[in-house]
N, C-alpha and C. Protein backbone atom coordinates (compact mmCIF):
# COMPACT_ATOMS: atom_id res chain seq x y z
N UNK A 1 0.84 -1.17 0.00
CA UNK A 1 0.00 0.00 0.00
C UNK A 1 0.89 1.24 0.00
N UNK A 2 0.41 2.31 -0.57
CA UNK A 2 1.16 3.55 -0.65
C UNK A 2 0.35 4.66 0.00
N UNK A 3 1.06 5.48 0.75
CA UNK A 3 0.40 6.54 1.51
C UNK A 3 0.85 7.89 0.98
N UNK A 4 -0.11 8.69 0.54
CA UNK A 4 0.17 9.98 -0.08
C UNK A 4 0.50 11.08 0.93
N UNK A 5 0.22 10.83 2.21
CA UNK A 5 0.49 11.85 3.23
C UNK A 5 0.78 11.16 4.56
N UNK A 6 1.42 11.88 5.48
CA UNK A 6 1.62 11.32 6.81
C UNK A 6 0.29 10.98 7.50
N UNK A 7 -0.74 11.81 7.26
CA UNK A 7 -2.04 11.54 7.88
C UNK A 7 -2.67 10.25 7.35
N UNK A 8 -2.49 9.96 6.06
CA UNK A 8 -3.06 8.71 5.53
C UNK A 8 -2.29 7.51 6.07
N UNK A 9 -0.97 7.65 6.26
CA UNK A 9 -0.19 6.57 6.87
C UNK A 9 -0.62 6.37 8.33
N UNK A 10 -0.83 7.47 9.04
CA UNK A 10 -1.25 7.38 10.45
C UNK A 10 -2.63 6.74 10.57
N UNK A 11 -3.52 7.12 9.69
CA UNK A 11 -4.85 6.53 9.69
C UNK A 11 -4.78 5.02 9.45
N UNK A 12 -3.94 4.61 8.52
CA UNK A 12 -3.78 3.17 8.22
C UNK A 12 -3.16 2.44 9.41
N UNK A 13 -2.20 3.08 10.10
CA UNK A 13 -1.57 2.50 11.28
C UNK A 13 -2.61 2.19 12.36
N UNK A 14 -3.43 3.20 12.71
CA UNK A 14 -4.41 2.99 13.78
C UNK A 14 -5.56 2.10 13.34
N UNK A 15 -5.88 2.12 12.06
CA UNK A 15 -6.90 1.20 11.55
C UNK A 15 -6.42 -0.25 11.67
N UNK A 16 -5.18 -0.50 11.26
CA UNK A 16 -4.62 -1.86 11.38
C UNK A 16 -4.52 -2.28 12.83
N UNK A 17 -4.09 -1.38 13.70
CA UNK A 17 -3.98 -1.65 15.13
C UNK A 17 -5.37 -1.99 15.69
N UNK A 18 -6.34 -1.17 15.35
CA UNK A 18 -7.70 -1.38 15.85
C UNK A 18 -8.32 -2.68 15.39
N UNK A 19 -8.00 -3.11 14.16
CA UNK A 19 -8.56 -4.35 13.61
C UNK A 19 -7.69 -5.57 13.91
N UNK A 20 -6.55 -5.36 14.59
CA UNK A 20 -5.60 -6.44 14.89
C UNK A 20 -5.13 -7.13 13.61
N UNK A 21 -4.78 -6.31 12.61
CA UNK A 21 -4.38 -6.81 11.30
C UNK A 21 -2.87 -6.63 11.13
N UNK A 22 -2.13 -7.68 11.38
CA UNK A 22 -0.66 -7.61 11.33
C UNK A 22 -0.15 -7.24 9.93
N UNK A 23 -0.69 -7.85 8.90
CA UNK A 23 -0.23 -7.56 7.53
C UNK A 23 -0.42 -6.09 7.19
N UNK A 24 -1.59 -5.56 7.50
CA UNK A 24 -1.86 -4.14 7.23
C UNK A 24 -0.97 -3.24 8.07
N UNK A 25 -0.70 -3.65 9.32
CA UNK A 25 0.20 -2.88 10.19
C UNK A 25 1.58 -2.76 9.56
N UNK A 26 2.10 -3.86 9.05
CA UNK A 26 3.46 -3.82 8.52
C UNK A 26 3.56 -3.10 7.19
N UNK A 27 2.45 -2.91 6.49
CA UNK A 27 2.46 -2.12 5.25
C UNK A 27 2.75 -0.64 5.53
N UNK A 28 2.43 -0.20 6.73
CA UNK A 28 2.62 1.20 7.09
C UNK A 28 4.09 1.50 7.37
N UNK A 29 4.81 0.50 7.85
CA UNK A 29 6.19 0.69 8.28
C UNK A 29 7.16 0.77 7.09
N UNK A 30 8.19 1.59 7.24
CA UNK A 30 9.26 1.65 6.27
C UNK A 30 10.00 0.32 6.23
N UNK A 31 10.81 0.15 5.22
CA UNK A 31 11.47 -1.15 5.04
C UNK A 31 12.93 -1.17 5.48
N UNK A 32 13.47 -0.04 5.93
CA UNK A 32 14.89 -0.02 6.30
C UNK A 32 15.13 -0.73 7.63
N UNK A 33 16.38 -1.09 7.85
CA UNK A 33 16.73 -1.80 9.08
C UNK A 33 16.92 -0.88 10.28
N UNK A 34 16.74 0.44 10.09
CA UNK A 34 16.90 1.34 11.22
C UNK A 34 15.59 1.95 11.70
N UNK A 35 14.44 1.38 11.31
CA UNK A 35 13.17 1.84 11.86
C UNK A 35 13.12 1.44 13.33
N UNK A 36 12.35 2.20 14.13
CA UNK A 36 12.34 2.00 15.59
C UNK A 36 10.92 1.99 16.12
N UNK A 37 10.70 1.11 17.10
CA UNK A 37 9.41 1.07 17.78
C UNK A 37 9.67 0.85 19.27
N UNK A 38 8.98 1.64 20.09
CA UNK A 38 9.03 1.47 21.54
C UNK A 38 7.59 1.40 22.03
N UNK A 39 7.22 0.22 22.53
CA UNK A 39 5.89 0.04 23.10
C UNK A 39 5.92 0.50 24.56
N UNK A 40 4.78 0.86 25.14
CA UNK A 40 4.78 1.32 26.53
C UNK A 40 5.54 0.36 27.46
N UNK A 41 6.49 0.92 28.19
CA UNK A 41 7.31 0.20 29.16
C UNK A 41 8.12 -0.93 28.52
N UNK A 42 8.32 -0.87 27.21
CA UNK A 42 9.09 -1.90 26.51
C UNK A 42 10.44 -1.39 26.06
N UNK A 43 11.26 -2.29 25.56
CA UNK A 43 12.59 -1.90 25.07
C UNK A 43 12.48 -1.25 23.68
N UNK A 44 13.56 -0.62 23.27
CA UNK A 44 13.63 -0.06 21.93
C UNK A 44 13.87 -1.20 20.94
N UNK A 45 12.98 -1.33 19.98
CA UNK A 45 13.10 -2.37 18.96
C UNK A 45 13.58 -1.71 17.67
N UNK A 46 14.65 -2.24 17.11
CA UNK A 46 15.23 -1.65 15.90
C UNK A 46 15.18 -2.69 14.79
N UNK A 47 14.65 -2.29 13.66
CA UNK A 47 14.61 -3.16 12.49
C UNK A 47 13.25 -3.80 12.29
N UNK A 48 12.98 -4.07 11.06
CA UNK A 48 11.66 -4.57 10.65
C UNK A 48 11.31 -5.91 11.28
N UNK A 49 12.27 -6.82 11.39
CA UNK A 49 11.98 -8.15 11.93
C UNK A 49 11.53 -8.08 13.38
N UNK A 50 12.26 -7.34 14.22
CA UNK A 50 11.87 -7.23 15.64
C UNK A 50 10.53 -6.50 15.79
N UNK A 51 10.34 -5.46 15.01
CA UNK A 51 9.09 -4.70 15.09
C UNK A 51 7.93 -5.57 14.65
N UNK A 52 8.09 -6.31 13.58
CA UNK A 52 7.04 -7.20 13.10
C UNK A 52 6.70 -8.26 14.15
N UNK A 53 7.72 -8.86 14.76
CA UNK A 53 7.48 -9.87 15.79
C UNK A 53 6.71 -9.29 16.97
N UNK A 54 7.05 -8.05 17.35
CA UNK A 54 6.35 -7.44 18.49
C UNK A 54 4.88 -7.20 18.16
N UNK A 55 4.60 -6.74 16.94
CA UNK A 55 3.21 -6.51 16.55
C UNK A 55 2.43 -7.82 16.44
N UNK A 56 3.09 -8.89 16.02
CA UNK A 56 2.41 -10.20 15.99
C UNK A 56 1.91 -10.57 17.38
N UNK A 57 2.75 -10.35 18.39
CA UNK A 57 2.35 -10.66 19.77
C UNK A 57 1.21 -9.75 20.24
N UNK A 58 1.35 -8.46 19.98
CA UNK A 58 0.34 -7.50 20.44
C UNK A 58 -1.01 -7.75 19.76
N UNK A 59 -0.98 -8.08 18.48
CA UNK A 59 -2.22 -8.24 17.73
C UNK A 59 -2.77 -9.66 17.76
N UNK A 60 -2.07 -10.57 18.41
CA UNK A 60 -2.52 -11.97 18.47
C UNK A 60 -3.87 -12.06 19.17
N UNK A 61 -4.62 -13.04 18.80
CA UNK A 61 -5.92 -13.27 19.44
C UNK A 61 -7.03 -12.40 18.89
N UNK A 62 -6.72 -11.64 17.85
CA UNK A 62 -7.75 -10.84 17.19
C UNK A 62 -8.46 -9.90 18.16
N UNK A 63 -7.73 -9.39 19.16
CA UNK A 63 -8.35 -8.45 20.10
C UNK A 63 -8.48 -7.08 19.43
N UNK A 64 -9.67 -6.61 19.32
CA UNK A 64 -9.95 -5.34 18.65
C UNK A 64 -9.82 -4.19 19.64
N UNK A 65 -9.48 -3.04 19.11
CA UNK A 65 -9.32 -1.84 19.92
C UNK A 65 -9.97 -0.66 19.21
N UNK A 66 -10.42 0.28 20.01
CA UNK A 66 -10.98 1.52 19.49
C UNK A 66 -10.08 2.65 19.98
N UNK A 67 -9.77 3.60 19.11
CA UNK A 67 -8.87 4.69 19.45
C UNK A 67 -9.58 6.03 19.39
N UNK A 68 -9.41 6.81 20.44
CA UNK A 68 -9.78 8.22 20.43
C UNK A 68 -8.44 8.94 20.38
N UNK A 69 -8.07 9.45 19.21
CA UNK A 69 -6.77 10.07 19.01
C UNK A 69 -6.89 11.57 19.20
N UNK A 70 -6.01 12.12 20.03
CA UNK A 70 -6.04 13.54 20.33
C UNK A 70 -4.68 14.15 20.00
N UNK A 71 -4.58 14.77 18.81
CA UNK A 71 -3.30 15.36 18.40
C UNK A 71 -2.83 16.44 19.38
N UNK A 72 -1.54 16.41 19.69
CA UNK A 72 -0.92 17.43 20.53
C UNK A 72 -0.08 18.38 19.67
N UNK A 73 0.63 17.81 18.70
CA UNK A 73 1.39 18.66 17.77
C UNK A 73 1.68 17.87 16.50
N UNK A 74 1.85 18.61 15.43
CA UNK A 74 2.24 18.04 14.14
C UNK A 74 3.23 19.00 13.49
N UNK A 75 4.35 18.43 13.06
CA UNK A 75 5.38 19.20 12.38
C UNK A 75 5.75 18.45 11.12
N UNK A 76 5.95 19.18 10.04
CA UNK A 76 6.26 18.50 8.79
C UNK A 76 7.22 19.34 7.95
N UNK A 77 8.20 18.64 7.38
CA UNK A 77 9.08 19.23 6.37
C UNK A 77 8.78 18.51 5.06
N UNK A 78 9.63 18.70 4.09
CA UNK A 78 9.39 18.06 2.79
C UNK A 78 9.39 16.53 2.89
N UNK A 79 10.25 15.98 3.76
CA UNK A 79 10.40 14.52 3.80
C UNK A 79 10.19 13.87 5.16
N UNK A 80 9.96 14.65 6.19
CA UNK A 80 9.78 14.11 7.54
C UNK A 80 8.55 14.76 8.18
N UNK A 81 7.76 13.96 8.89
CA UNK A 81 6.64 14.48 9.66
C UNK A 81 6.69 13.87 11.05
N UNK A 82 6.46 14.71 12.06
CA UNK A 82 6.45 14.26 13.44
C UNK A 82 5.08 14.57 14.02
N UNK A 83 4.40 13.53 14.49
CA UNK A 83 3.08 13.68 15.10
C UNK A 83 3.16 13.21 16.55
N UNK A 84 2.72 14.07 17.46
CA UNK A 84 2.63 13.71 18.87
C UNK A 84 1.15 13.73 19.22
N UNK A 85 0.68 12.65 19.84
CA UNK A 85 -0.74 12.55 20.14
C UNK A 85 -1.01 11.69 21.37
N UNK A 86 -2.16 11.92 21.95
CA UNK A 86 -2.66 11.05 23.00
C UNK A 86 -3.49 9.96 22.35
N UNK A 87 -3.26 8.74 22.78
CA UNK A 87 -4.08 7.60 22.36
C UNK A 87 -4.95 7.20 23.54
N UNK A 88 -6.24 7.38 23.39
CA UNK A 88 -7.17 6.90 24.40
C UNK A 88 -7.75 5.62 23.82
N UNK A 89 -7.38 4.49 24.40
CA UNK A 89 -7.70 3.18 23.84
C UNK A 89 -8.79 2.53 24.67
N UNK A 90 -9.74 1.93 23.98
CA UNK A 90 -10.79 1.18 24.66
C UNK A 90 -11.16 -0.03 23.81
N UNK A 91 -11.91 -0.92 24.42
CA UNK A 91 -12.40 -2.09 23.70
C UNK A 91 -13.78 -1.75 23.15
N UNK A 92 -14.03 -2.02 21.87
CA UNK A 92 -15.35 -1.72 21.30
C UNK A 92 -16.45 -2.39 22.12
N UNK A 93 -17.52 -1.64 22.36
CA UNK A 93 -18.65 -2.17 23.10
C UNK A 93 -18.45 -2.17 24.60
N UNK A 94 -17.38 -1.54 25.07
CA UNK A 94 -17.09 -1.51 26.49
C UNK A 94 -16.88 -0.07 26.93
N UNK A 95 -17.24 0.23 28.16
CA UNK A 95 -17.00 1.56 28.70
C UNK A 95 -15.61 1.68 29.31
N UNK A 96 -14.88 0.57 29.38
CA UNK A 96 -13.56 0.56 29.99
C UNK A 96 -12.54 1.21 29.07
N UNK A 97 -11.78 2.18 29.62
CA UNK A 97 -10.69 2.79 28.88
C UNK A 97 -9.38 2.39 29.53
N UNK A 98 -8.38 2.15 28.69
CA UNK A 98 -7.05 1.84 29.20
C UNK A 98 -6.37 3.14 29.62
N UNK A 99 -5.26 3.03 30.30
CA UNK A 99 -4.49 4.21 30.69
C UNK A 99 -4.09 4.96 29.42
N UNK A 100 -4.24 6.30 29.41
CA UNK A 100 -3.86 7.06 28.22
C UNK A 100 -2.39 6.84 27.86
N UNK A 101 -2.14 6.82 26.56
CA UNK A 101 -0.79 6.61 26.04
C UNK A 101 -0.39 7.86 25.26
N UNK A 102 0.84 8.31 25.49
CA UNK A 102 1.39 9.42 24.74
C UNK A 102 2.26 8.81 23.64
N UNK A 103 1.96 9.14 22.39
CA UNK A 103 2.68 8.54 21.27
C UNK A 103 3.34 9.60 20.41
N UNK A 104 4.53 9.28 19.95
CA UNK A 104 5.23 10.07 18.94
C UNK A 104 5.39 9.18 17.72
N UNK A 105 4.88 9.62 16.59
CA UNK A 105 4.99 8.90 15.33
C UNK A 105 5.78 9.76 14.36
N UNK A 106 6.83 9.18 13.79
CA UNK A 106 7.62 9.90 12.79
C UNK A 106 7.46 9.18 11.45
N UNK A 107 7.11 9.97 10.45
CA UNK A 107 6.90 9.46 9.09
C UNK A 107 7.96 10.04 8.18
N UNK A 108 8.38 9.24 7.21
CA UNK A 108 9.37 9.70 6.24
C UNK A 108 8.84 9.47 4.83
N UNK A 109 9.08 10.46 3.98
CA UNK A 109 8.71 10.29 2.58
C UNK A 109 9.82 9.47 1.92
N UNK A 110 9.44 8.34 1.35
CA UNK A 110 10.37 7.45 0.68
C UNK A 110 9.82 7.20 -0.72
N UNK A 111 10.56 7.61 -1.74
CA UNK A 111 10.09 7.46 -3.13
C UNK A 111 8.69 8.02 -3.32
N UNK A 112 8.46 9.19 -2.81
CA UNK A 112 7.21 9.96 -2.96
C UNK A 112 6.05 9.45 -2.11
N UNK A 113 6.25 8.44 -1.29
CA UNK A 113 5.18 7.96 -0.42
C UNK A 113 5.65 7.99 1.03
N UNK A 114 4.71 8.06 1.96
CA UNK A 114 5.00 8.23 3.38
C UNK A 114 4.90 6.90 4.12
N UNK A 115 5.89 6.66 4.99
CA UNK A 115 5.92 5.45 5.80
C UNK A 115 6.32 5.79 7.23
N UNK A 116 5.86 4.99 8.15
CA UNK A 116 6.21 5.14 9.55
C UNK A 116 7.64 4.64 9.76
N UNK A 117 8.47 5.46 10.41
CA UNK A 117 9.83 5.01 10.70
C UNK A 117 10.11 4.96 12.20
N UNK A 118 9.23 5.57 13.00
CA UNK A 118 9.36 5.50 14.45
C UNK A 118 8.00 5.63 15.10
N UNK A 119 7.71 4.73 16.01
CA UNK A 119 6.53 4.82 16.87
C UNK A 119 7.04 4.64 18.29
N UNK A 120 6.88 5.66 19.10
CA UNK A 120 7.31 5.60 20.50
C UNK A 120 6.11 5.91 21.36
N UNK A 121 5.68 4.93 22.11
CA UNK A 121 4.49 5.08 22.96
C UNK A 121 4.87 4.85 24.41
N UNK A 122 4.34 5.69 25.28
CA UNK A 122 4.59 5.53 26.71
C UNK A 122 3.34 5.90 27.48
N UNK A 123 3.26 5.36 28.68
CA UNK A 123 2.14 5.69 29.55
C UNK A 123 2.24 7.19 29.84
N UNK A 124 1.14 7.88 29.69
CA UNK A 124 1.12 9.32 29.93
C UNK A 124 1.03 9.56 31.43
N UNK A 125 2.07 10.15 32.00
CA UNK A 125 2.09 10.39 33.44
C UNK A 125 1.55 11.76 33.82
N UNK A 126 0.97 12.47 32.86
CA UNK A 126 0.39 13.77 33.15
C UNK A 126 -0.75 13.58 34.16
N UNK A 127 -0.72 14.36 35.25
CA UNK A 127 -1.83 14.24 36.22
C UNK A 127 -3.16 14.54 35.56
N UNK A 128 -4.12 13.73 35.85
CA UNK A 128 -5.47 13.91 35.29
C UNK A 128 -6.45 14.05 36.43
N UNK A 129 -7.48 14.82 36.17
CA UNK A 129 -8.50 15.00 37.18
C UNK A 129 -9.31 13.71 37.28
N UNK A 130 -9.44 13.23 38.47
CA UNK A 130 -10.17 12.00 38.70
C UNK A 130 -11.46 12.36 39.42
N UNK A 131 -12.56 11.78 38.99
CA UNK A 131 -13.84 12.04 39.63
C UNK A 131 -13.75 11.59 41.09
N UNK A 132 -14.23 12.42 42.00
CA UNK A 132 -14.17 12.03 43.42
C UNK A 132 -15.03 10.81 43.68
N UNK A 133 -14.57 10.00 44.62
CA UNK A 133 -15.36 8.83 45.01
C UNK A 133 -16.57 9.27 45.79
N UNK A 134 -17.64 8.58 45.57
CA UNK A 134 -18.85 8.87 46.34
C UNK A 134 -18.69 8.32 47.73
N UNK A 135 -19.02 9.14 48.68
CA UNK A 135 -18.94 8.67 50.07
C UNK A 135 -20.28 8.09 50.47
N UNK A 136 -20.20 7.03 51.18
CA UNK A 136 -21.42 6.40 51.68
C UNK A 136 -21.51 6.67 53.17
N UNK A 137 -22.66 7.06 53.57
CA UNK A 137 -22.87 7.32 54.99
C UNK A 137 -23.47 6.06 55.61
N UNK A 138 -22.77 5.58 56.58
CA UNK A 138 -23.25 4.40 57.27
C UNK A 138 -23.75 4.83 58.64
N UNK A 139 -24.89 4.35 59.01
CA UNK A 139 -25.43 4.65 60.33
C UNK A 139 -25.50 3.39 61.14
N UNK A 140 -25.14 3.52 62.40
CA UNK A 140 -25.22 2.40 63.32
C UNK A 140 -26.34 2.68 64.29
N UNK A 141 -27.24 1.73 64.45
CA UNK A 141 -28.38 1.92 65.37
C UNK A 141 -28.01 1.50 66.75
């Protein structure tokens, strides 16, 4: 598959991730041996083989995911694009949300098409407002 813009590559990345489609996921990635992926709390993976193996494990079992993507910044030159975003991940049909993830995706134009060359995701440690717990009043007779 060929991606005409960094946004179309990013859309394909999250679509493949959401559908647990390993083949589609790897179409988004560049083919060089110096591409990099860091999953939350994981080691730095360098090269297509290690990255592919990691995605096979993550996407195994056909577990589907839904993404609420919240862009924080986007920068682009002629051949490089850097996107920083919050990934709010949940399971379709469930109200449960996973811990927010802060992701940096770097895309490179290669032969006029855009490919992912770095995905770095980490647990977002930004303090978030948490709804207060309801207090229950207990009475003893």
